[in-house]
Amino acid sequence: CIDACDSVMDKMGYPRGLIRYTTENALEGKKSHILRPRLIGYFVALVVMV
């Protein structure tokens, strides 16, 4: 999907990167947080199951 969008944007003469994997913080130049509460919860659940 991302590759298709970039090729269409190239054909239309628009800048690439309309659809991409990024965060709002990264777009604004801020530091992104890797350890979010959901990720910590998943890790705890995984440890409990093992």
Protein backbone atom coordinates (compact mmCIF):
# COMPACT_ATOMS: atom_id res chain seq x y z
CA CYS A 1 0.00 0.00 0.00
CA ILE A 2 2.79 2.42 0.86
CA ASP A 3 4.71 1.54 -2.29
CA ALA A 4 1.60 1.98 -4.43
CA CYS A 5 0.89 5.37 -2.87
CA ASP A 6 4.45 6.56 -3.49
CA SER A 7 4.33 5.50 -7.14
CA VAL A 8 1.01 7.32 -7.64
CA MET A 9 2.39 10.42 -5.93
CA ASP A 10 5.42 10.30 -8.26
CA LYS A 11 3.16 10.12 -11.32
CA MET A 12 1.06 13.05 -10.09
CA GLY A 13 4.14 15.12 -9.22
CA TYR A 14 3.36 15.35 -5.51
CA PRO A 15 5.85 14.77 -2.67
CA ARG A 16 6.26 11.19 -1.45
CA GLY A 17 5.54 9.97 2.05
CA LEU A 18 1.84 10.74 2.42
CA ILE A 19 1.38 7.27 3.92
CA ARG A 20 4.25 6.04 6.09
CA TYR A 21 5.12 4.34 9.34
CA THR A 22 5.84 7.14 11.79
CA THR A 23 4.48 8.82 14.88
CA GLU A 24 3.16 12.32 15.44
CA ASN A 25 6.12 13.00 17.72
CA ALA A 26 8.57 12.00 15.00
CA LEU A 27 6.84 14.29 12.51
CA GLU A 28 7.16 17.19 14.94
CA GLY A 29 10.82 16.37 15.63
CA LYS A 30 10.17 15.29 19.21
CA LYS A 31 11.62 12.22 20.88
CA SER A 32 9.37 9.17 20.61
CA HIS A 33 8.73 6.94 23.60
CA ILE A 34 9.55 3.28 23.11
CA LEU A 35 8.28 1.96 26.45
CA ARG A 36 4.59 2.81 26.40
CA PRO A 37 2.10 1.50 28.98
CA ARG A 38 0.54 -0.95 26.50
CA LEU A 39 3.93 -2.43 25.60
CA ILE A 40 4.81 -2.82 29.27
CA GLY A 41 1.43 -4.52 29.84
CA TYR A 42 2.08 -6.97 27.00
CA PHE A 43 5.51 -7.76 28.43
CA VAL A 44 4.07 -8.39 31.91
CA ALA A 45 1.34 -10.63 30.46
CA LEU A 46 3.96 -12.60 28.52
CA VAL A 47 6.10 -13.09 31.62
CA VAL A 48 3.07 -14.22 33.65
CA MET A 49 2.11 -16.78 30.98
CA VAL A 50 5.62 -18.25 30.95
